[in-house]
N, C-alpha and C. Protein backbone atom coordinates (compact mmCIF):
# COMPACT_ATOMS: atom_id res chain seq x y z
N MET A 1 0.97 -0.76 -0.33
CA MET A 1 0.16 0.12 -0.26
C MET A 1 0.87 0.97 -0.03
N ALA A 2 0.45 2.10 -0.88
CA ALA A 2 1.42 3.36 -0.38
C ALA A 2 1.47 4.38 0.79
N VAL A 3 0.54 3.88 1.18
CA VAL A 3 -0.16 5.03 2.61
C VAL A 3 1.81 4.33 3.80
N PHE A 4 1.87 3.07 3.22
CA PHE A 4 3.18 2.26 4.22
C PHE A 4 4.09 3.38 3.64
N ASN A 5 4.74 3.35 2.25
CA ASN A 5 5.34 3.78 2.02
C ASN A 5 5.40 5.59 2.27
N VAL A 6 4.43 6.56 2.22
CA VAL A 6 4.58 7.00 2.61
C VAL A 6 5.15 7.41 4.25
N ALA A 7 4.48 6.71 5.02
CA ALA A 7 4.63 6.89 6.12
C ALA A 7 5.93 6.66 6.87
N LEU A 8 6.82 5.46 5.78
CA LEU A 8 8.20 5.22 6.14
C LEU A 8 8.99 6.57 5.55
N LEU A 9 8.95 6.75 4.74
CA LEU A 9 9.45 8.06 4.05
C LEU A 9 9.61 9.76 5.09
N ALA A 10 8.21 9.52 5.44
CA ALA A 10 8.16 10.90 6.90
C ALA A 10 8.72 10.64 8.12
N LEU A 11 9.01 9.09 8.59
CA LEU A 11 9.31 8.75 9.90
C LEU A 11 10.68 8.95 9.22
N SER A 12 11.27 8.59 8.38
CA SER A 12 12.55 8.81 8.09
C SER A 12 13.39 9.38 7.99
N LEU A 13 12.79 10.86 7.25
CA LEU A 13 13.02 12.20 7.22
C LEU A 13 12.82 12.73 8.52
N GLY A 14 12.00 12.69 8.95
CA GLY A 14 11.47 13.55 10.73
C GLY A 14 13.06 12.62 11.31
N VAL A 15 13.41 11.49 11.41
CA VAL A 15 14.31 11.10 12.11
C VAL A 15 15.72 12.17 11.98
N MET A 16 16.17 11.79 10.74
CA MET A 16 17.16 12.41 9.80
C MET A 16 16.91 14.03 10.29
N PHE A 17 16.10 14.78 10.04
CA PHE A 17 16.11 15.86 10.67
C PHE A 17 16.46 16.36 11.93
N VAL A 18 15.78 15.82 12.87
CA VAL A 18 16.12 15.74 14.30
C VAL A 18 17.74 15.42 14.39
N VAL A 19 17.81 14.13 14.15
CA VAL A 19 19.15 13.87 14.49
C VAL A 19 20.34 14.86 13.70
N PHE A 20 20.21 14.85 12.60
CA PHE A 20 21.64 15.80 11.93
C PHE A 20 21.35 17.14 11.44
N GLU A 21 20.05 18.03 11.74
CA GLU A 21 19.96 19.01 11.24
C GLU A 21 19.87 19.85 12.50
N ARG A 22 19.03 18.98 13.77
CA ARG A 22 18.74 19.66 14.82
C ARG A 22 17.16 20.48 14.78
N ASN A 23 16.34 20.14 13.69
CA ASN A 23 15.20 20.59 13.61
C ASN A 23 14.29 20.56 13.98
N TYR A 24 13.62 20.72 15.09
CA TYR A 24 13.10 19.91 15.75
C TYR A 24 11.64 20.28 15.86
N ALA A 25 11.61 21.46 15.25
CA ALA A 25 9.82 21.43 14.73
C ALA A 25 9.44 20.79 13.18
N LEU A 26 10.37 20.66 12.17
CA LEU A 26 10.05 19.64 11.24
C LEU A 26 9.59 18.37 11.45
N GLY A 27 11.27 18.31 12.29
CA GLY A 27 11.25 16.38 12.86
C GLY A 27 10.13 15.94 13.12
N GLY A 28 9.99 16.98 14.43
CA GLY A 28 8.98 16.17 14.90
C GLY A 28 7.61 16.19 14.17
N GLN A 29 7.18 17.48 13.34
CA GLN A 29 6.23 17.15 12.33
C GLN A 29 6.08 16.14 11.46
N LEU A 30 7.61 15.72 10.72
CA LEU A 30 7.93 14.46 10.07
C LEU A 30 7.04 13.21 10.68
N LEU A 31 7.96 13.41 12.38
CA LEU A 31 7.76 11.73 12.66
C LEU A 31 6.14 11.43 13.36
N VAL A 32 5.13 12.52 13.74
CA VAL A 32 3.54 12.89 14.17
C VAL A 32 3.28 11.98 12.54
N GLY A 33 2.95 13.19 11.44
CA GLY A 33 2.84 12.53 10.34
C GLY A 33 3.26 11.20 10.03
N GLY A 34 4.49 10.95 9.42
CA GLY A 34 4.41 9.43 9.71
C GLY A 34 3.57 8.25 10.41
N ALA A 35 3.68 8.50 12.35
CA ALA A 35 3.06 8.07 12.80
C ALA A 35 2.26 8.01 12.57
N ALA A 36 1.31 9.03 12.00
CA ALA A 36 -0.58 9.15 11.72
C ALA A 36 -0.91 8.41 10.48
N ALA A 37 0.30 8.11 8.89
CA ALA A 37 -0.30 7.90 8.32
C ALA A 37 0.22 6.09 8.39
N PHE A 38 1.13 5.66 9.33
CA PHE A 38 1.43 4.36 9.75
C PHE A 38 0.09 4.01 10.08
N ALA A 39 -0.50 4.70 11.02
CA ALA A 39 -1.70 4.03 12.12
C ALA A 39 -3.02 4.04 11.08
N PHE A 40 -2.91 4.53 10.01
CA PHE A 40 -3.75 4.95 9.19
C PHE A 40 -3.86 3.44 8.44
N GLY A 41 -2.58 3.26 7.78
CA GLY A 41 -2.54 2.63 6.78
C GLY A 41 -3.10 1.21 7.56
N LEU A 42 -2.13 0.68 8.84
CA LEU A 42 -2.74 -0.52 9.56
C LEU A 42 -4.02 -0.53 9.56
N TYR A 43 -4.99 0.72 10.01
CA TYR A 43 -6.92 0.42 10.27
C TYR A 43 -7.09 0.33 9.01
N ARG A 44 -6.35 0.76 7.35
CA ARG A 44 -7.06 0.58 6.12
C ARG A 44 -6.94 -0.96 6.04
N TYR A 45 -5.33 -1.62 6.19
CA TYR A 45 -4.55 -2.78 5.94
C TYR A 45 -6.01 -4.05 6.87
N ARG A 46 -6.17 -3.73 8.10
CA ARG A 46 -6.67 -4.59 9.22
C ARG A 46 -8.69 -4.92 8.76
N THR A 47 -8.95 -3.51 8.19
CA THR A 47 -10.34 -3.66 7.85
C THR A 47 -10.85 -4.21 6.32
N ALA A 48 -9.63 -3.64 5.82
CA ALA A 48 -10.30 -4.52 4.47
C ALA A 48 -10.09 -5.97 4.53
N LYS A 49 -8.79 -6.91 4.92
CA LYS A 49 -8.60 -8.22 5.47
C LYS A 49 -10.10 -9.04 5.88
N ALA A 50 -10.49 -7.99 7.19
CA ALA A 50 -12.05 -8.35 7.33
C ALA A 50 -12.51 -8.39 6.73
N GLU A 51 -13.00 -7.59 5.64
CA GLU A 51 -14.37 -7.15 4.90
C GLU A 51 -14.06 -8.51 3.49
N LEU A 52 -12.99 -8.86 3.43
CA LEU A 52 -12.96 -9.61 2.55
C LEU A 52 -12.70 -10.72 3.19
N GLY A 53 -12.89 -11.44 4.51
CA GLY A 53 -13.57 -12.49 5.13
C GLY A 53 -12.44 -13.35 5.87
N ASP A 54 -10.68 -12.98 6.08
CA ASP A 54 -10.42 -13.32 6.37
C ASP A 54 -10.42 -14.19 7.54
N PRO A 55 -10.49 -15.54 8.13
CA PRO A 55 -11.07 -16.11 9.42
C PRO A 55 -9.93 -15.64 10.63
N SER A 56 -8.01 -14.90 9.92
CA SER A 56 -7.57 -14.70 11.29
C SER A 56 -7.81 -12.99 11.32
N ALA A 57 -8.94 -12.40 10.63
CA ALA A 57 -9.10 -11.06 11.20
C ALA A 57 -10.23 -11.20 12.19
N GLU A 58 -10.65 -12.24 12.05
CA GLU A 58 -12.18 -12.31 12.97
C GLU A 58 -11.75 -12.35 14.54
N THR A 59 -12.78 -12.01 15.63
CA THR A 59 -12.18 -11.89 16.99
C THR A 59 -12.93 -13.43 17.27
N ALA A 60 -12.24 -14.46 18.75
CA ALA A 60 -12.73 -15.35 19.14
C ALA A 60 -14.16 -14.99 20.00
N ASP A 61 -14.03 -14.11 20.37
CA ASP A 61 -15.47 -13.99 21.38
C ASP A 61 -16.42 -12.96 20.58
N PRO A 62 -17.20 -13.41 20.59
CA PRO A 62 -18.55 -12.72 19.88
C PRO A 62 -19.19 -11.03 20.37
N GLU A 63 -19.70 -10.47 19.61
CA GLU A 63 -19.84 -9.22 20.16
C GLU A 63 -21.07 -9.40 21.29
N PRO A 64 -21.73 -8.84 22.25
CA PRO A 64 -23.24 -9.11 22.47
C PRO A 64 -24.04 -8.91 21.98
N GLY A 65 -24.98 -9.97 21.95
CA GLY A 65 -26.16 -9.73 21.23
C GLY A 65 -25.60 -10.44 19.87
N GLU A 66 -25.06 -11.04 19.75
CA GLU A 66 -24.48 -11.28 18.41
C GLU A 66 -24.62 -13.64 18.89
N GLU A 67 -25.34 -14.20 18.10
CA GLU A 67 -25.42 -15.58 18.37
C GLU A 67 -24.12 -16.34 17.84
N GLN A 68 -23.71 -17.14 18.70
CA GLN A 68 -22.93 -18.45 17.74
C GLN A 68 -23.36 -19.46 17.27
N ASP A 69 -22.38 -19.98 16.50
CA ASP A 69 -23.32 -20.90 15.79
C ASP A 69 -22.76 -21.99 15.83
């Protein structure tokens, strides 16, 4: 997914700006943006996996009010 590529780029650049340039404002913004993009990509990955019917994505405990087979 392209979201993970953007997340990796932002995280890497953020660390480099903080470590090598001592630019904490820009580096911090890139780190936060990269972490948010990674979290969003993980959310989209898990929802897509659940919608496609992957049995490993389902929970073992049913939601309250749901019947068990």
